[in-house]
C-alpha atoms as a PDB file:
ATOM      1  CA  MET A   1      23.404 -19.940  21.426  1.00  0.00           C
ATOM      2  CA  SER A   2      23.861 -23.678  21.851  1.00  0.00           C
ATOM      3  CA  ASP A   3      22.879 -24.308  18.221  1.00  0.00           C
ATOM      4  CA  ASN A   4      26.490 -23.700  17.022  1.00  0.00           C
ATOM      5  CA  ARG A   5      25.436 -20.841  14.769  1.00  0.00           C
ATOM      6  CA  TRP A   6      27.025 -17.403  14.827  1.00  0.00           C
ATOM      7  CA  TRP A   7      25.145 -14.663  16.715  1.00  0.00           C
ATOM      8  CA  THR A   8      25.625 -10.924  17.173  1.00  0.00           C
ATOM      9  CA  ILE A   9      25.139  -9.507  20.640  1.00  0.00           C
ATOM     10  CA  ASP A  10      22.028  -7.646  19.446  1.00  0.00           C
ATOM     11  CA  ASP A  11      20.563 -10.880  18.014  1.00  0.00           C
ATOM     12  CA  LEU A  12      21.159 -12.622  21.337  1.00  0.00           C
ATOM     13  CA  ALA A  13      19.654  -9.733  23.315  1.00  0.00           C
ATOM     14  CA  SER A  14      16.540  -9.854  21.160  1.00  0.00           C
ATOM     15  CA  ALA A  15      16.208 -13.648  21.465  1.00  0.00           C
ATOM     16  CA  VAL A  16      16.661 -13.636  25.249  1.00  0.00           C
ATOM     17  CA  THR A  17      14.226 -10.723  25.623  1.00  0.00           C
ATOM     18  CA  ASP A  18      11.627 -12.738  23.690  1.00  0.00           C
ATOM     19  CA  ILE A  19      12.220 -15.830  25.845  1.00  0.00           C
ATOM     20  CA  ILE A  20      12.068 -14.203  29.271  1.00  0.00           C
ATOM     21  CA  SER A  21       9.668 -11.342  28.372  1.00  0.00           C
ATOM     22  CA  LYS A  22      11.991  -8.826  29.980  1.00  0.00           C
ATOM     23  CA  HIS A  23      14.325  -6.347  28.257  1.00  0.00           C
ATOM     24  CA  VAL A  24      17.950  -7.510  28.231  1.00  0.00           C
ATOM     25  CA  THR A  25      20.731  -5.069  27.330  1.00  0.00           C
ATOM     26  CA  SER A  26      23.663  -5.769  25.040  1.00  0.00           C
ATOM     27  CA  GLN A  27      25.975  -5.097  28.006  1.00  0.00           C
ATOM     28  CA  SER A  28      24.245  -7.868  29.938  1.00  0.00           C
ATOM     29  CA  ILE A  29      24.619 -10.273  27.003  1.00  0.00           C
ATOM     30  CA  SER A  30      28.306  -9.412  26.706  1.00  0.00           C
ATOM     31  CA  ALA A  31      28.820 -10.130  30.410  1.00  0.00           C
ATOM     32  CA  ARG A  32      26.964 -13.454  30.158  1.00  0.00           C
ATOM     33  CA  ILE A  33      29.136 -14.467  27.179  1.00  0.00           C
ATOM     34  CA  ARG A  34      32.201 -13.864  29.353  1.00  0.00           C
ATOM     35  CA  ASP A  35      30.565 -15.892  32.120  1.00  0.00           C
ATOM     36  CA  LEU A  36      30.052 -18.871  29.802  1.00  0.00           C
ATOM     37  CA  ARG A  37      33.837 -19.179  29.553  1.00  0.00           C
ATOM     38  CA  LYS A  38      34.222 -19.436  33.347  1.00  0.00           C
ATOM     39  CA  THR A  39      34.487 -22.845  34.996  1.00  0.00           C
ATOM     40  CA  GLN A  40      31.537 -22.242  37.333  1.00  0.00           C
ATOM     41  CA  TYR A  41      29.303 -21.614  34.290  1.00  0.00           C
ATOM     42  CA  GLY A  42      30.509 -24.600  32.271  1.00  0.00           C
ATOM     43  CA  GLY A  43      33.918 -23.518  30.945  1.00  0.00           C
ATOM     44  CA  HIS A  44      32.587 -23.395  27.398  1.00  0.00           C
ATOM     45  CA  THR A  45      34.459 -22.193  24.340  1.00  0.00           C
ATOM     46  CA  VAL A  46      33.072 -18.990  22.837  1.00  0.00           C
ATOM     47  CA  ASN A  47      34.471 -18.194  19.407  1.00  0.00           C
ATOM     48  CA  ARG A  48      34.467 -14.628  18.116  1.00  0.00           C
ATOM     49  CA  GLN A  49      34.880 -13.298  14.611  1.00  0.00           C
ATOM     50  CA  ARG A  50      34.727  -9.797  13.200  1.00  0.00           C
ATOM     51  CA  SER A  51      32.184  -8.981  10.529  1.00  0.00           C
ATOM     52  CA  LYS A  52      33.747  -8.462   7.106  1.00  0.00           C
ATOM     53  CA  SER A  53      31.130  -5.874   6.170  1.00  0.00           C
ATOM     54  CA  SER A  54      30.831  -3.753   9.316  1.00  0.00           C
ATOM     55  CA  LEU A  55      33.597  -2.399  11.518  1.00  0.00           C
ATOM     56  CA  GLY A  56      33.067  -3.073  15.199  1.00  0.00           C
ATOM     57  CA  LEU A  57      30.478  -5.816  14.652  1.00  0.00           C
ATOM     58  CA  TYR A  58      31.379  -9.228  16.028  1.00  0.00           C
ATOM     59  CA  TYR A  59      29.755 -12.627  15.806  1.00  0.00           C
ATOM     60  CA  TYR A  60      29.900 -15.171  18.620  1.00  0.00           C
ATOM     61  CA  GLN A  61      29.579 -18.946  18.543  1.00  0.00           C
ATOM     62  CA  LEU A  62      29.197 -21.201  21.576  1.00  0.00           C
ATOM     63  CA  ILE A  63      30.918 -24.593  21.600  1.00  0.00           C
ATOM     64  CA  GLU A  64      29.459 -26.367  24.607  1.00  0.00           C
ATOM     65  CA  ASN A  65      31.614 -28.298  26.997  1.00  0.00           C
ATOM     66  CA  ASN A  66      30.455 -31.917  27.151  1.00  0.00           C
ATOM     67  CA  ARG A  67      30.851 -32.302  30.906  1.00  0.00           C
ATOM     68  CA  GLU A  68      27.930 -31.950  33.285  1.00  0.00           C
ATOM     69  CA  MET A  69      27.167 -28.301  33.939  1.00  0.00           C
ATOM     70  CA  PRO A  70      26.534 -26.789  37.359  1.00  0.00           C
ATOM     71  CA  THR A  71      23.012 -25.581  38.151  1.00  0.00           C
ATOM     72  CA  ARG A  72      24.206 -21.962  37.921  1.00  0.00           C
ATOM     73  CA  GLN A  73      24.828 -22.446  34.194  1.00  0.00           C
ATOM     74  CA  THR A  74      21.136 -22.605  33.419  1.00  0.00           C
ATOM     75  CA  ASN A  75      20.377 -19.519  35.467  1.00  0.00           C
ATOM     76  CA  LEU A  76      22.650 -16.862  33.951  1.00  0.00           C
ATOM     77  CA  PHE A  77      19.806 -14.359  33.625  1.00  0.00           C
ATOM     78  CA  GLY A  78      18.234 -15.160  36.946  1.00  0.00           C
ATOM     79  CA  THR A  79      14.897 -16.264  35.504  1.00  0.00           C
ATOM     80  CA  LEU A  80      15.551 -19.060  33.031  1.00  0.00           C
ATOM     81  CA  ASN A  81      15.652 -21.803  35.666  1.00  0.00           C
ATOM     82  CA  PRO A  82      13.852 -20.729  38.854  1.00  0.00           C
END
């Protein structure tokens, strides 16, 4: 998500599942997006916009905070940074 592009929750779930070789639910992705906004996980800005073509579909964009991030930031899913 740090590439500044817009992602759906399902796109993120699929990408993370591919990276960690373990199924990740959309609920888990949604919770991790909320975590990214918290100070202990970097205090990043997460933009959200509604899809113009589909009701209830949202896109998310991460704007990373430039300050040094705590170690917990890189371990949101428990396996990315052992």
